[in-house]
Amino acid sequence: MTTGTEIAWIAADWGTTNLRIWALDAAGDIRAHRQSDRGMGKLNRDGFEPALLDLISDLLPGEGSLPVIICGMAGSRQGWAEAPYKSAPCAPPTIDDATILSSDDARLDVRILPGIKQMAPPDVMRGEETQIAGFLADHTAFSGTLCLPGTHSKWVALKDGRVERFQTFMTGESFALYSEHSVLRHGLASGTLNMDTFRDAVVRTVETPSGFASELFAVRAAGLIAGQTPEEASGRLSGLLIGAELAAVRDNFNLDDVVLLGSDRIATSYRSALGCLGYQVQMLDAGSITLRGLALAYSSFSKGSS
């Protein structure tokens, strides 16, 4: 059984939907990894500390305090405490940019890393900046494009260790809205995509993005009168949405040198979409990259406090 005396610090990725924590010892080994569904979207300001304690109270020391370094939506305006954004172009935030919290439980020493804002055009990120820091820690010479798929996907131009600019798309959220709350929901499969119709929709949307709105309703019509299966409909809808995103970024970002941070089905779909357009991309696990970024922050914290 893991005890508080074995734990040197806690890393936390606090999103809108979920909270994930890693408890690490002084050597950097993971002693515990836990997750809850108590994301920012389900909590008021007074609920963050209890939600964290529910996951880690048995890991805390009997005496003294334990560093807890957090990235993500806990630092938003609706979160535990607002951690002010850094402004792009900039290097990813470090522990020196973190907001220090005064917690009710004396065993907690909480630091929340800030996000990054971009003034023109207006855009923001929270959590992704820590993934970027983790990626750059092992790819210091990289100059190119990062794609971070998700509910709100991010495209990031990196150069000389800095975030030069970025762009956000609500593609994942749009898929959820269309598939759960629009007329299209009647003809879609649950959790299954036909990849042939997916790739076809990607290519056609990138080639003719002006047809996007009409193609959306055609997803419904093809199921009613043309024998389209629910799996084909889901693939087509996903391909239309990701294709529209790629049509928007292809002239603004270098797609010849893209790294995808993600290993789930969504990231795999992005890799397939880029592949059918002729782009070969590298895909890295987002979870381990996030932890790498948090560990980088802790390393600077521990050196500063020693």
Protein backbone atom coordinates (compact mmCIF):
# COMPACT_ATOMS: atom_id res chain seq x y z
CA MET A 1 0.00 0.00 0.00
CA THR A 2 1.28 3.46 -0.91
CA THR A 3 1.70 5.80 2.05
CA GLY A 4 2.19 9.53 2.32
CA THR A 5 5.82 9.09 3.41
CA GLU A 6 6.64 7.61 0.00
CA ILE A 7 5.14 10.52 -1.96
CA ALA A 8 7.23 13.57 -2.85
CA TRP A 9 4.58 15.49 -4.80
CA ILE A 10 1.26 15.28 -6.61
CA ALA A 11 0.68 16.15 -10.29
CA ALA A 12 -2.87 17.05 -11.33
CA ASP A 13 -4.51 17.63 -14.70
CA TRP A 14 -7.86 19.27 -13.93
CA GLY A 15 -10.10 19.51 -16.95
CA THR A 16 -13.69 20.58 -17.50
CA THR A 17 -14.92 16.97 -17.27
CA ASN A 18 -12.35 15.01 -15.27
CA LEU A 19 -9.62 15.31 -12.66
CA ARG A 20 -6.55 13.11 -13.04
CA ILE A 21 -3.75 12.88 -10.46
CA TRP A 22 -0.38 11.16 -10.29
CA ALA A 23 1.47 10.69 -7.00
CA LEU A 24 5.24 10.50 -7.50
CA ASP A 25 8.14 9.68 -5.24
CA ALA A 26 11.47 11.52 -5.05
CA ALA A 27 12.91 9.41 -7.86
CA GLY A 28 10.07 10.41 -10.20
CA ASP A 29 8.35 7.02 -10.13
CA ILE A 30 4.55 6.94 -10.16
CA ARG A 31 3.23 5.48 -6.91
CA ALA A 32 -0.46 6.10 -7.60
CA HIS A 33 -2.60 7.24 -10.54
CA ARG A 34 -6.25 8.10 -9.97
CA GLN A 35 -9.11 9.81 -11.76
CA SER A 36 -12.52 11.21 -10.91
CA ASP A 37 -15.35 12.78 -12.89
CA ARG A 38 -15.34 15.90 -10.71
CA GLY A 39 -14.07 18.25 -13.35
CA MET A 40 -14.30 22.04 -13.23
CA GLY A 41 -17.73 21.97 -14.88
CA LYS A 42 -19.29 20.17 -11.88
CA LEU A 43 -17.76 22.27 -9.10
CA ASN A 44 -18.20 25.65 -7.50
CA ARG A 45 -15.15 27.40 -6.08
CA ASP A 46 -15.58 25.82 -2.65
CA GLY A 47 -15.74 22.33 -4.14
CA PHE A 48 -12.23 22.04 -5.56
CA GLU A 49 -10.30 21.33 -2.37
CA PRO A 50 -12.77 18.64 -1.18
CA ALA A 51 -12.71 17.02 -4.65
CA LEU A 52 -8.92 16.88 -4.55
CA LEU A 53 -8.82 15.56 -1.00
CA ASP A 54 -11.26 12.78 -1.90
CA LEU A 55 -8.61 11.48 -4.31
CA ILE A 56 -5.40 12.07 -2.38
CA SER A 57 -6.08 12.38 1.36
CA ASP A 58 -4.56 8.95 2.09
CA LEU A 59 -1.40 9.99 0.21
CA LEU A 60 -0.74 13.13 2.24
CA PRO A 61 1.88 13.24 5.02
CA GLY A 62 1.04 13.17 8.70
CA GLU A 63 3.20 16.25 9.20
CA GLY A 64 4.20 19.08 6.89
CA SER A 65 2.79 19.81 3.45
CA LEU A 66 2.98 18.15 0.05
CA PRO A 67 3.45 20.08 -3.23
CA VAL A 68 0.48 19.73 -5.59
CA ILE A 69 1.09 21.15 -9.07
CA ILE A 70 -2.02 21.58 -11.20
CA CYS A 71 -2.63 22.43 -14.83
CA GLY A 72 -5.89 22.95 -16.66
CA MET A 73 -9.30 24.42 -15.89
CA ALA A 74 -8.78 24.65 -12.13
CA GLY A 75 -6.99 27.88 -13.01
CA SER A 76 -9.85 29.33 -15.06
CA ARG A 77 -12.12 32.18 -14.06
CA GLN A 78 -14.71 29.58 -12.98
CA GLY A 79 -12.10 27.36 -11.32
CA TRP A 80 -10.43 27.05 -7.94
CA ALA A 81 -8.49 30.29 -8.42
CA GLU A 82 -7.82 32.24 -11.60
CA ALA A 83 -4.24 31.84 -12.81
CA PRO A 84 -3.59 34.80 -15.17
CA TYR A 85 -2.64 33.92 -18.74
CA LYS A 86 0.76 34.42 -20.29
CA SER A 87 0.64 36.18 -23.65
CA ALA A 88 1.78 34.56 -26.90
CA PRO A 89 4.27 34.58 -28.43
CA CYS A 90 5.93 33.13 -25.36
CA ALA A 91 7.66 30.11 -23.91
CA PRO A 92 5.34 27.73 -22.03
CA PRO A 93 4.64 28.83 -18.44
CA THR A 94 6.93 27.63 -15.66
CA ILE A 95 6.48 27.19 -11.93
CA ASP A 96 7.53 30.84 -11.51
CA ASP A 97 4.32 31.83 -13.31
CA ALA A 98 2.10 29.66 -11.10
CA THR A 99 -0.61 30.94 -8.78
CA ILE A 100 -0.06 29.86 -5.15
CA LEU A 101 -3.24 28.91 -3.30
CA SER A 102 -4.03 29.24 0.37
CA SER A 103 -5.78 25.94 1.17
CA ASP A 104 -7.80 25.02 4.24
CA ASP A 105 -5.87 21.76 4.68
CA ALA A 106 -2.33 22.58 5.86
CA ARG A 107 -1.03 19.40 4.22
CA LEU A 108 -1.58 20.92 0.76
CA ASP A 109 0.90 23.24 -0.97
CA VAL A 110 -1.02 23.99 -4.17
CA ARG A 111 0.38 25.72 -7.29
CA ILE A 112 -1.75 26.23 -10.42
CA LEU A 113 0.02 26.76 -13.73
CA PRO A 114 -1.44 29.44 -16.01
CA GLY A 115 -2.66 29.09 -19.57
CA ILE A 116 -1.70 31.14 -22.61
CA LYS A 117 -3.71 33.87 -24.35
CA GLN A 118 -3.43 35.27 -27.84
CA MET A 119 -4.80 38.74 -28.51
CA ALA A 120 -5.06 38.76 -32.31
CA PRO A 121 -7.03 36.79 -33.20
CA PRO A 122 -8.39 36.24 -29.67
CA ASP A 123 -7.74 32.71 -28.39
CA VAL A 124 -6.88 30.95 -25.13
CA MET A 125 -5.60 27.62 -23.86
CA ARG A 126 -5.48 25.99 -20.41
CA GLY A 127 -3.80 22.63 -19.91
CA GLU A 128 -2.41 22.36 -23.42
CA GLU A 129 0.46 24.70 -22.51
CA THR A 130 1.70 22.07 -20.03
CA GLN A 131 1.58 19.41 -22.75
CA ILE A 132 3.59 21.77 -24.95
CA ALA A 133 6.16 22.23 -22.19
CA GLY A 134 6.41 18.45 -21.79
CA PHE A 135 6.86 17.99 -25.53
CA LEU A 136 9.53 20.70 -25.80
CA ALA A 137 11.46 19.19 -22.88
CA ASP A 138 12.34 16.24 -25.11
CA HIS A 139 12.21 18.03 -28.50
CA THR A 140 14.11 21.23 -27.82
CA ALA A 141 15.00 21.88 -31.47
CA PHE A 142 11.49 21.31 -32.85
CA SER A 143 10.06 24.03 -35.10
CA GLY A 144 6.77 23.00 -36.64
CA THR A 145 3.16 22.31 -35.79
CA LEU A 146 1.57 20.58 -32.84
CA CYS A 147 -2.01 19.33 -33.07
CA LEU A 148 -3.78 18.64 -29.80
CA PRO A 149 -7.11 16.95 -30.65
CA GLY A 150 -9.97 16.96 -28.20
CA THR A 151 -13.27 18.59 -27.42
CA HIS A 152 -11.63 21.87 -28.44
CA SER A 153 -8.70 20.98 -30.67
CA LYS A 154 -5.63 23.22 -30.79
CA TRP A 155 -3.15 23.85 -33.59
CA VAL A 156 0.09 25.40 -32.36
CA ALA A 157 3.03 26.86 -34.28
CA LEU A 158 6.28 26.33 -32.35
CA LYS A 159 9.63 27.96 -33.04
CA ASP A 160 12.77 28.17 -30.90
CA GLY A 161 10.98 26.79 -27.83
CA ARG A 162 8.16 29.32 -28.04
CA VAL A 163 4.46 29.25 -28.82
CA GLU A 164 4.36 31.63 -31.77
CA ARG A 165 0.59 31.42 -32.38
CA PHE A 166 -2.29 28.98 -32.07
CA GLN A 167 -5.85 28.36 -33.23
CA THR A 168 -8.73 26.52 -31.54
CA PHE A 169 -11.58 24.58 -33.16
CA MET A 170 -14.74 23.33 -31.43
CA THR A 171 -14.77 20.22 -33.62
CA GLY A 172 -15.22 17.64 -30.87
CA GLU A 173 -17.95 19.64 -29.17
CA SER A 174 -19.64 20.20 -32.53
CA PHE A 175 -19.69 16.45 -33.20
CA ALA A 176 -21.32 15.90 -29.80
CA LEU A 177 -23.92 18.60 -30.43
CA TYR A 178 -24.84 17.33 -33.89
CA SER A 179 -24.93 13.68 -32.84
CA GLU A 180 -26.89 14.24 -29.61
CA HIS A 181 -29.08 17.30 -30.19
CA SER A 182 -29.75 17.69 -33.92
CA VAL A 183 -31.89 15.85 -36.45
CA LEU A 184 -28.76 13.93 -37.46
CA ARG A 185 -28.88 11.93 -34.22
CA HIS A 186 -31.58 9.66 -35.63
CA GLY A 187 -29.26 8.12 -38.20
CA LEU A 188 -25.93 7.82 -36.40
CA ALA A 189 -24.18 4.85 -34.82
CA SER A 190 -23.04 4.99 -31.22
CA GLY A 191 -19.24 4.91 -30.97
CA THR A 192 -18.57 3.35 -34.40
CA LEU A 193 -17.27 5.08 -37.53
CA ASN A 194 -17.01 3.78 -41.07
CA MET A 195 -13.52 4.91 -42.06
CA ASP A 196 -14.16 4.79 -45.81
CA THR A 197 -16.93 7.37 -45.59
CA PHE A 198 -14.83 9.29 -43.06
CA ARG A 199 -11.87 9.62 -45.42
CA ASP A 200 -14.11 10.45 -48.39
CA ALA A 201 -15.79 13.25 -46.41
CA VAL A 202 -12.42 14.64 -45.29
CA VAL A 203 -11.08 14.87 -48.83
CA ARG A 204 -14.25 16.35 -50.31
CA THR A 205 -14.58 18.95 -47.56
CA VAL A 206 -10.96 20.06 -47.84
CA GLU A 207 -11.33 20.32 -51.63
CA THR A 208 -14.69 22.17 -51.46
CA PRO A 209 -15.22 23.68 -48.00
CA SER A 210 -18.03 25.91 -49.30
CA GLY A 211 -20.30 22.85 -49.46
CA PHE A 212 -19.96 22.06 -45.74
CA ALA A 213 -23.38 23.27 -44.56
CA SER A 214 -25.25 21.44 -47.32
CA GLU A 215 -23.21 18.27 -46.77
CA LEU A 216 -24.31 18.22 -43.13
CA PHE A 217 -27.96 17.75 -44.01
CA ALA A 218 -27.01 15.23 -46.67
CA VAL A 219 -25.84 12.99 -43.82
CA ARG A 220 -29.48 12.75 -42.76
CA ALA A 221 -30.89 12.49 -46.28
CA ALA A 222 -28.55 9.66 -47.31
CA GLY A 223 -29.75 7.61 -44.37
CA LEU A 224 -33.39 8.14 -45.27
CA ILE A 225 -33.34 7.46 -49.02
CA ALA A 226 -29.92 6.20 -50.13
CA GLY A 227 -29.26 3.22 -47.87
CA GLN A 228 -26.52 4.84 -45.82
CA THR A 229 -25.83 2.85 -42.65
CA PRO A 230 -25.51 4.49 -39.20
CA GLU A 231 -21.78 3.64 -39.16
CA GLU A 232 -21.34 5.33 -42.54
CA ALA A 233 -23.30 8.35 -41.33
CA SER A 234 -21.11 8.72 -38.24
CA GLY A 235 -17.98 8.44 -40.34
CA ARG A 236 -19.30 11.00 -42.77
CA LEU A 237 -20.21 13.51 -40.03
CA SER A 238 -16.81 13.14 -38.36
CA GLY A 239 -15.04 13.50 -41.70
CA LEU A 240 -16.99 16.64 -42.56
CA LEU A 241 -16.12 18.31 -39.26
CA ILE A 242 -12.43 17.36 -39.21
CA GLY A 243 -12.16 18.13 -42.94
CA ALA A 244 -13.54 21.64 -42.36
CA GLU A 245 -10.95 22.11 -39.62
CA LEU A 246 -8.11 20.97 -41.88
CA ALA A 247 -9.34 23.23 -44.68
CA ALA A 248 -9.05 26.15 -42.26
CA VAL A 249 -5.55 25.36 -40.97
CA ARG A 250 -3.76 24.17 -44.11
CA ASP A 251 -2.86 27.71 -45.24
CA ASN A 252 -1.93 28.95 -41.75
CA PHE A 253 0.14 26.07 -40.35
CA ASN A 254 2.88 23.86 -41.72
CA LEU A 255 1.22 20.48 -42.19
CA ASP A 256 4.40 18.90 -43.54
CA ASP A 257 5.80 18.72 -39.99
CA VAL A 258 2.96 17.85 -37.62
CA VAL A 259 3.12 16.07 -34.26
CA LEU A 260 -0.17 14.86 -32.77
CA LEU A 261 -0.40 14.77 -28.98
CA GLY A 262 -2.97 12.08 -28.28
CA SER A 263 -3.48 8.34 -28.39
CA ASP A 264 -7.25 7.91 -28.25
CA ARG A 265 -9.77 7.37 -31.03
CA ILE A 266 -10.05 11.10 -31.73
CA ALA A 267 -6.30 11.46 -32.26
CA THR A 268 -6.29 8.38 -34.49
CA SER A 269 -9.03 9.97 -36.61
CA TYR A 270 -6.93 13.12 -37.02
CA ARG A 271 -3.93 11.05 -38.08
CA SER A 272 -6.09 9.20 -40.61
CA ALA A 273 -7.50 12.49 -41.94
CA LEU A 274 -4.05 14.00 -42.39
CA GLY A 275 -2.82 10.74 -43.92
CA CYS A 276 -5.49 10.68 -46.62
CA LEU A 277 -4.39 14.20 -47.58
CA GLY A 278 -0.82 12.99 -47.99
CA TYR A 279 0.65 14.15 -44.68
CA GLN A 280 2.64 11.77 -42.50
CA VAL A 281 2.46 12.66 -38.82
CA GLN A 282 4.00 11.49 -35.57
CA MET A 283 1.62 10.67 -32.69
CA LEU A 284 2.64 10.82 -29.02
CA ASP A 285 0.69 9.88 -25.90
CA ALA A 286 -0.91 13.03 -24.44
CA GLY A 287 -1.13 11.67 -20.88
CA SER A 288 2.58 10.99 -20.54
CA ILE A 289 3.40 14.32 -22.20
CA THR A 290 1.17 16.15 -19.71
CA LEU A 291 2.89 14.44 -16.80
CA ARG A 292 6.27 15.32 -18.32
CA GLY A 293 5.27 18.98 -18.36
CA LEU A 294 4.08 18.89 -14.76
CA ALA A 295 7.28 17.11 -13.71
CA LEU A 296 9.29 19.86 -15.40
CA ALA A 297 7.45 22.42 -13.27
CA TYR A 298 8.04 20.38 -10.11
CA SER A 299 11.75 20.09 -10.91
CA SER A 300 12.06 23.86 -10.94
CA PHE A 301 9.96 24.10 -7.76
CA SER A 302 12.09 21.58 -5.87
CA LYS A 303 15.33 23.30 -6.92
CA GLY A 304 13.98 26.65 -5.83
CA SER A 305 12.90 25.34 -2.43
CA SER A 306 16.08 23.38 -1.70
